[in-house]
Amino acid sequence: METLHLSAEKQGDIEKAAQILRQGGLVGIPTETVYGLAADALNGPAVAGIFAAKNRPMDNPLIVHISDLSQWEDLVDGVPENARALAAAYWPGPMTIILPKSEKIPDEVSAGLPTVGVRFPSHPVARAIIRESGCPLAAPSGNLSGRPSPTTAACMAEDMDGRIDAIVDGGPCRVGVESTVVTLATCPPRLLRPGGITLEQLKAVLGEVVVDPAVTQPLEEGKEAPSPGMKYKHYAPKAHVMIVKGALADYCRFVNSHNRPGTAALCFAGEEKLLEVPCVTYGSETDAAKQAHDLFEALRRLDEIGAKTVYARSPGQEGVGLAVYNRLIRAAGFEVLEV
């Protein structure tokens, strides 16, 4: 398959992408979080194509993207007041709300679950493509399953060239990690995946919000995943990644004592001068938003430098830092070393 490379700056290319989606095709689109692999969310066979292109397990549900709040009502079985309050506070933006689904949602989207996650992205190109296509779009991250999510069109092309119909280049993504996912199908509401909208922001609207244990730990054996990013190893480079928790001096001492061929460090800006191994940085220690923005490209960069074993500095777990930690601990397969 030849993958068309389209530009968000050309209206004709937006229309071309929309036409492909209307015809049941697959298109890579930019959002404020990461690039997504989109298909018509109401077309079951088209959605099944997403799973095939990504090599994604079919029991991993997808998120539906809309361009107008009026589309939401058709996708879910009622919108409660707490959902409306969340939407008023943080939509359009990097937040997905899970509710009981309507009959219009194919099982391919919900992985057979009775619920569906819906998001109203803030990226103008994503919204333009949704509007032009005339249909809500199911769109997980546009990478091969398990790989780091793409935050540029070039990164998406690394994984998806020749596997999908088109990729629309809308520039680099602003947030850099996937959306916050909160389910309102439980009482109290539950944070299933942290992202650019923080736990603190959710609590400011909802009051009590429970953090699902699978945010920082493996999903319980045999339990269904109600949200993307909960069940499988995700976001991982080819290298073996381990998170190293401890003070900077202890981290550096540990890494330097394990300086062998193929060893690399994933650290914060400025720390590379203290290390004796090749380093890739992902933001500064005190700027979680920058860490989130840089993380996935940093993980891909580790492959570019030929890293085999990677010792990663542990981010904090406050605010957006919880989202960074969530992605990194999955990339590490939950392997954490205390030093």
Protein backbone atom coordinates (compact mmCIF):
# COMPACT_ATOMS: atom_id res chain seq x y z
CA MET A 1 0.00 0.00 0.00
CA GLU A 2 1.25 3.49 -0.85
CA THR A 3 0.77 5.93 2.03
CA LEU A 4 -0.08 9.48 0.92
CA HIS A 5 1.79 12.22 2.76
CA LEU A 6 -0.57 15.16 3.13
CA SER A 7 -0.19 18.65 4.62
CA ALA A 8 -2.54 20.32 7.06
CA GLU A 9 -1.71 23.63 5.39
CA LYS A 10 -3.52 22.57 2.21
CA GLN A 11 -7.30 22.57 2.35
CA GLY A 12 -7.34 20.13 -0.53
CA ASP A 13 -5.34 17.67 1.57
CA ILE A 14 -7.78 18.02 4.49
CA GLU A 15 -10.61 17.21 2.08
CA LYS A 16 -8.63 14.28 0.65
CA ALA A 17 -8.07 12.85 4.14
CA ALA A 18 -11.76 13.24 4.94
CA GLN A 19 -12.75 11.48 1.74
CA ILE A 20 -10.47 8.53 2.57
CA LEU A 21 -12.11 8.26 6.00
CA ARG A 22 -15.63 8.40 4.54
CA GLN A 23 -14.67 5.54 2.23
CA GLY A 24 -13.53 3.36 5.12
CA GLY A 25 -9.81 4.11 4.92
CA LEU A 26 -7.18 4.81 7.58
CA VAL A 27 -5.54 8.22 8.07
CA GLY A 28 -2.88 9.43 10.48
CA ILE A 29 -3.98 12.73 12.02
CA PRO A 30 -2.34 15.22 14.38
CA THR A 31 -3.88 15.97 17.75
CA GLU A 32 -2.62 18.06 20.66
CA THR A 33 -1.60 14.84 22.48
CA VAL A 34 -0.03 12.46 19.92
CA TYR A 35 -0.66 11.53 16.29
CA GLY A 36 -3.66 9.23 15.98
CA LEU A 37 -4.55 6.49 13.51
CA ALA A 38 -8.11 7.38 12.53
CA ALA A 39 -11.05 5.54 11.00
CA ASP A 40 -14.81 6.16 10.89
CA ALA A 41 -15.85 5.17 14.40
CA LEU A 42 -19.26 3.95 13.23
CA ASN A 43 -17.82 1.66 10.54
CA GLY A 44 -16.87 -1.63 12.23
CA PRO A 45 -14.78 -3.05 9.35
CA ALA A 46 -12.87 0.24 9.02
CA VAL A 47 -12.14 0.24 12.75
CA ALA A 48 -10.95 -3.37 12.51
CA GLY A 49 -8.38 -2.07 10.01
CA ILE A 50 -6.82 0.03 12.78
CA PHE A 51 -6.10 -3.10 14.81
CA ALA A 52 -4.59 -4.83 11.78
CA ALA A 53 -2.37 -1.87 10.84
CA LYS A 54 -1.08 -1.48 14.41
CA ASN A 55 -0.89 -5.20 15.25
CA ARG A 56 -3.04 -4.16 18.19
CA PRO A 57 -4.83 -6.75 20.36
CA MET A 58 -8.58 -6.63 19.70
CA ASP A 59 -9.40 -6.49 23.44
CA ASN A 60 -7.82 -3.03 23.74
CA PRO A 61 -10.63 -0.43 23.38
CA LEU A 62 -10.37 2.72 21.26
CA ILE A 63 -11.28 6.35 21.92
CA VAL A 64 -13.80 8.19 19.72
CA HIS A 65 -12.96 11.76 18.70
CA ILE A 66 -15.58 14.42 17.98
CA SER A 67 -15.48 17.96 16.61
CA ASP A 68 -18.64 19.28 18.25
CA LEU A 69 -20.37 18.55 21.55
CA SER A 70 -23.60 17.77 19.69
CA GLN A 71 -22.00 14.54 18.41
CA TRP A 72 -21.49 13.25 21.96
CA GLU A 73 -25.17 12.56 22.64
CA ASP A 74 -25.38 10.00 19.81
CA LEU A 75 -22.38 8.02 21.01
CA VAL A 76 -23.31 7.44 24.65
CA ASP A 77 -26.37 6.31 26.60
CA GLY A 78 -27.03 9.64 28.30
CA VAL A 79 -24.72 12.43 29.50
CA PRO A 80 -24.91 12.97 33.28
CA GLU A 81 -24.35 16.34 34.91
CA ASN A 82 -20.85 15.52 36.15
CA ALA A 83 -19.85 14.68 32.58
CA ARG A 84 -21.25 17.98 31.33
CA ALA A 85 -19.34 19.82 34.04
CA LEU A 86 -16.07 18.11 33.05
CA ALA A 87 -16.65 18.88 29.39
CA ALA A 88 -17.39 22.53 30.18
CA ALA A 89 -14.14 22.78 32.15
CA TYR A 90 -11.68 20.93 29.92
CA TRP A 91 -13.08 20.36 26.43
CA PRO A 92 -11.83 20.83 23.84
CA GLY A 93 -8.65 19.38 25.29
CA PRO A 94 -6.59 16.31 26.23
CA MET A 95 -9.26 14.45 28.22
CA THR A 96 -11.36 11.36 27.45
CA ILE A 97 -14.62 10.68 29.29
CA ILE A 98 -15.92 7.10 29.50
CA LEU A 99 -19.68 6.52 29.73
CA PRO A 100 -22.09 3.70 28.85
CA LYS A 101 -22.14 3.48 25.05
CA SER A 102 -25.03 3.89 22.65
CA GLU A 103 -26.11 1.25 20.14
CA LYS A 104 -24.25 3.14 17.41
CA ILE A 105 -20.83 2.17 18.77
CA PRO A 106 -19.52 -1.02 17.12
CA ASP A 107 -17.95 -3.69 19.31
CA GLU A 108 -14.69 -3.14 17.41
CA VAL A 109 -14.43 0.30 19.06
CA SER A 110 -15.37 -0.73 22.61
CA ALA A 111 -13.61 -4.13 22.53
CA GLY A 112 -16.99 -5.62 23.48
CA LEU A 113 -17.31 -3.50 26.63
CA PRO A 114 -20.59 -1.72 27.49
CA THR A 115 -18.78 1.64 27.66
CA VAL A 116 -17.01 4.01 25.26
CA GLY A 117 -14.44 6.76 25.71
CA VAL A 118 -15.09 10.04 23.88
CA ARG A 119 -12.74 12.96 23.40
CA PHE A 120 -13.13 16.46 21.93
CA PRO A 121 -9.59 17.38 20.79
CA SER A 122 -8.38 20.96 20.77
CA HIS A 123 -6.10 20.55 17.75
CA PRO A 124 -7.65 22.57 14.88
CA VAL A 125 -6.50 20.10 12.21
CA ALA A 126 -8.02 17.10 14.00
CA ARG A 127 -11.30 18.96 14.34
CA ALA A 128 -11.23 20.09 10.71
CA ILE A 129 -10.75 16.52 9.50
CA ILE A 130 -13.56 15.23 11.73
CA ARG A 131 -15.90 17.98 10.50
CA GLU A 132 -15.00 17.45 6.86
CA SER A 133 -15.40 13.67 7.10
CA GLY A 134 -18.84 14.02 8.69
CA CYS A 135 -18.23 11.20 11.16
CA PRO A 136 -16.70 10.73 14.62
CA LEU A 137 -13.27 9.12 14.41
CA ALA A 138 -11.86 6.22 16.38
CA ALA A 139 -8.17 7.04 16.76
CA PRO A 140 -5.59 5.33 18.98
CA SER A 141 -1.98 6.46 18.84
CA GLY A 142 -0.47 6.02 15.38
CA ASN A 143 2.34 3.61 16.21
CA LEU A 144 2.88 -0.12 15.94
CA SER A 145 1.43 -1.67 19.10
CA GLY A 146 3.85 -1.47 22.00
CA ARG A 147 6.14 1.14 20.40
CA PRO A 148 6.50 4.77 21.59
CA SER A 149 3.61 6.92 20.41
CA PRO A 150 4.38 9.37 17.58
CA THR A 151 4.44 13.10 18.27
CA THR A 152 5.40 14.13 14.72
CA ALA A 153 4.26 12.99 11.30
CA ALA A 154 7.78 11.70 10.63
CA CYS A 155 7.65 9.47 13.71
CA MET A 156 4.29 8.11 12.60
CA ALA A 157 5.65 7.39 9.14
CA GLU A 158 8.44 5.29 10.70
CA ASP A 159 5.81 2.82 11.89
CA MET A 160 2.94 3.27 9.45
CA ASP A 161 4.37 4.01 5.99
CA GLY A 162 2.94 1.40 3.65
CA ARG A 163 0.39 0.19 6.20
CA ILE A 164 -2.28 2.93 5.97
CA ASP A 165 -3.80 5.20 3.34
CA ALA A 166 -2.48 8.60 4.40
CA ILE A 167 -0.76 10.71 7.06
CA VAL A 168 -1.59 14.39 7.54
CA ASP A 169 1.36 16.46 8.76
CA GLY A 170 0.11 19.06 11.24
CA GLY A 171 3.42 19.76 12.98
CA PRO A 172 4.64 18.52 16.36
CA CYS A 173 2.12 17.69 19.10
CA ARG A 174 1.86 20.18 21.96
CA VAL A 175 1.20 17.84 24.93
CA GLY A 176 3.20 14.77 23.92
CA VAL A 177 1.38 12.04 25.89
CA GLU A 178 -2.06 10.58 25.28
CA SER A 179 -5.19 12.05 26.83
CA THR A 180 -6.29 11.69 30.42
CA VAL A 181 -8.95 8.97 30.64
CA VAL A 182 -11.58 9.18 33.38
CA THR A 183 -14.56 6.86 33.67
CA LEU A 184 -17.87 8.20 34.93
CA ALA A 185 -19.45 4.77 34.53
CA THR A 186 -18.35 4.00 38.10
CA CYS A 187 -19.08 5.73 41.39
CA PRO A 188 -16.91 7.44 42.40
CA PRO A 189 -15.27 8.44 39.09
CA ARG A 190 -12.00 6.64 38.38
CA LEU A 191 -8.82 7.86 36.70
CA LEU A 192 -7.76 5.11 34.31
CA ARG A 193 -4.95 6.88 32.46
CA PRO A 194 -3.27 10.14 33.50
CA GLY A 195 -2.49 12.79 30.91
CA GLY A 196 -2.42 16.52 30.27
CA ILE A 197 -5.50 17.11 32.45
CA THR A 198 -4.26 16.25 35.92
CA LEU A 199 -5.85 14.34 38.78
CA GLU A 200 -6.01 17.62 40.68
CA GLN A 201 -7.93 19.25 37.83
CA LEU A 202 -10.40 16.37 37.71
CA LYS A 203 -10.97 16.62 41.47
CA ALA A 204 -11.60 20.35 41.17
CA VAL A 205 -14.73 19.53 39.14
CA LEU A 206 -15.76 16.07 40.35
CA GLY A 207 -14.68 16.05 43.99
CA GLU A 208 -13.64 12.50 44.78
CA VAL A 209 -11.71 10.70 42.03
CA VAL A 210 -10.16 7.26 42.60
CA VAL A 211 -6.86 6.44 40.89
CA ASP A 212 -7.06 2.97 39.38
CA PRO A 213 -4.22 0.73 40.66
CA ALA A 214 -3.31 -0.06 37.03
CA VAL A 215 -2.06 3.52 36.59
CA THR A 216 1.20 2.53 38.30
CA GLN A 217 0.94 -1.28 38.53
CA PRO A 218 0.19 -4.13 36.11
CA LEU A 219 -3.49 -4.78 35.43
CA GLU A 220 -4.81 -7.66 37.53
CA GLU A 221 -4.65 -11.03 35.78
CA GLY A 222 -7.88 -11.78 33.91
CA LYS A 223 -9.30 -8.27 34.35
CA GLU A 224 -10.75 -6.44 31.34
CA ALA A 225 -9.06 -3.17 30.37
CA PRO A 226 -11.69 -0.37 30.37
CA SER A 227 -9.23 2.08 28.81
CA PRO A 228 -6.39 2.02 26.28
CA GLY A 229 -2.92 1.76 27.76
CA MET A 230 -3.82 -0.41 30.75
CA LYS A 231 -3.30 -4.04 29.79
CA TYR A 232 -0.17 -4.45 27.70
CA LYS A 233 3.42 -3.27 27.64
CA HIS A 234 3.35 0.05 25.81
CA TYR A 235 5.52 2.90 24.58
CA ALA A 236 8.69 0.77 24.61
CA PRO A 237 11.81 1.18 22.48
CA LYS A 238 13.70 -1.92 21.36
CA ALA A 239 16.09 -1.47 24.28
CA HIS A 240 15.57 -3.02 27.71
CA VAL A 241 14.43 -0.09 29.87
CA MET A 242 14.63 -0.01 33.67
CA ILE A 243 13.52 2.85 35.91
CA VAL A 244 16.07 3.74 38.57
CA LYS A 245 14.67 5.44 41.69
CA GLY A 246 17.00 7.33 44.00
CA ALA A 247 18.84 10.61 44.49
CA LEU A 248 20.77 11.96 41.52
CA ALA A 249 24.16 11.11 43.04
CA ASP A 250 23.04 7.52 43.68
CA TYR A 251 21.59 7.23 40.16
CA CYS A 252 24.82 8.45 38.57
CA ARG A 253 26.94 6.15 40.72
CA PHE A 254 24.76 3.17 39.77
CA VAL A 255 24.73 3.92 36.04
CA ASN A 256 28.44 4.64 35.85
CA SER A 257 29.19 1.36 37.61
CA HIS A 258 27.15 -0.45 34.94
CA ASN A 259 28.94 1.16 31.98
CA ARG A 260 29.04 -1.66 29.44
CA PRO A 261 28.66 -1.69 25.63
CA GLY A 262 25.07 -0.80 24.69
CA THR A 263 24.28 0.86 28.03
CA ALA A 264 22.58 4.26 27.90
CA ALA A 265 20.89 6.67 30.27
CA LEU A 266 17.50 8.36 29.91
CA CYS A 267 17.97 11.34 32.18
CA PHE A 268 17.01 14.96 32.74
CA ALA A 269 18.64 17.90 30.99
CA GLY A 270 21.98 18.85 32.54
CA GLU A 271 22.57 15.46 34.14
CA GLU A 272 24.36 13.99 31.13
CA LYS A 273 27.63 15.69 32.15
CA LEU A 274 27.66 13.52 35.29
CA LEU A 275 27.31 10.24 33.40
CA GLU A 276 29.85 8.10 31.59
CA VAL A 277 27.41 6.44 29.18
CA PRO A 278 25.56 7.77 26.12
CA CYS A 279 22.61 9.89 27.29
CA VAL A 280 19.21 10.92 25.97
CA THR A 281 17.38 13.63 27.91
CA TYR A 282 13.65 14.18 28.34
CA GLY A 283 13.07 17.62 29.80
CA SER A 284 14.22 19.04 33.09
CA GLU A 285 13.66 17.46 36.50
CA THR A 286 11.36 20.28 37.61
CA ASP A 287 9.26 20.61 34.43
CA ALA A 288 6.83 17.69 34.09
CA ALA A 289 5.08 19.26 31.08
CA LYS A 290 8.38 19.35 29.20
CA GLN A 291 9.07 15.75 30.23
CA ALA A 292 5.71 14.72 28.79
CA HIS A 293 6.37 16.67 25.59
CA ASP A 294 9.81 15.07 25.07
CA LEU A 295 9.34 11.53 26.39
CA PHE A 296 8.23 9.58 23.32
CA GLU A 297 10.77 11.17 20.99
CA ALA A 298 13.44 10.44 23.60
CA LEU A 299 12.41 6.77 23.71
CA ARG A 300 12.67 6.60 19.92
CA ARG A 301 16.05 8.32 20.08
CA LEU A 302 17.35 5.48 22.25
CA ASP A 303 16.83 3.13 19.32
CA GLU A 304 18.60 5.54 16.99
CA ILE A 305 21.75 5.49 19.14
CA GLY A 306 21.68 1.69 19.36
CA ALA A 307 20.98 1.42 23.09
CA LYS A 308 20.49 -2.11 24.39
CA THR A 309 20.10 -1.45 28.14
CA VAL A 310 18.65 1.84 29.38
CA TYR A 311 18.61 3.14 32.95
CA ALA A 312 15.91 5.80 33.22
CA ARG A 313 15.67 8.54 35.82
CA SER A 314 12.33 8.29 37.59
CA PRO A 315 9.99 11.28 37.18
CA GLY A 316 7.81 12.56 40.00
CA GLN A 317 4.18 11.53 40.27
CA GLU A 318 2.52 14.90 40.92
CA GLY A 319 0.46 16.74 38.30
CA VAL A 320 1.45 15.84 34.73
CA GLY A 321 4.35 13.89 36.25
CA LEU A 322 1.92 11.05 36.98
CA ALA A 323 1.28 10.75 33.22
CA VAL A 324 5.02 10.68 32.51
CA TYR A 325 5.59 8.02 35.17
CA ASN A 326 2.65 5.97 33.84
CA ARG A 327 4.11 5.89 30.32
CA LEU A 328 7.66 5.26 31.44
CA ILE A 329 6.84 2.42 33.83
CA ARG A 330 4.97 0.66 31.02
CA ALA A 331 7.89 1.18 28.65
CA ALA A 332 10.02 -0.47 31.36
CA GLY A 333 7.61 -3.38 31.78
CA PHE A 334 7.21 -2.31 35.44
CA GLU A 335 10.90 -2.99 36.15
CA VAL A 336 12.02 -0.54 38.86
CA LEU A 337 15.34 -0.50 40.66
CA GLU A 338 15.83 1.27 44.00
CA VAL A 339 19.34 2.66 44.58
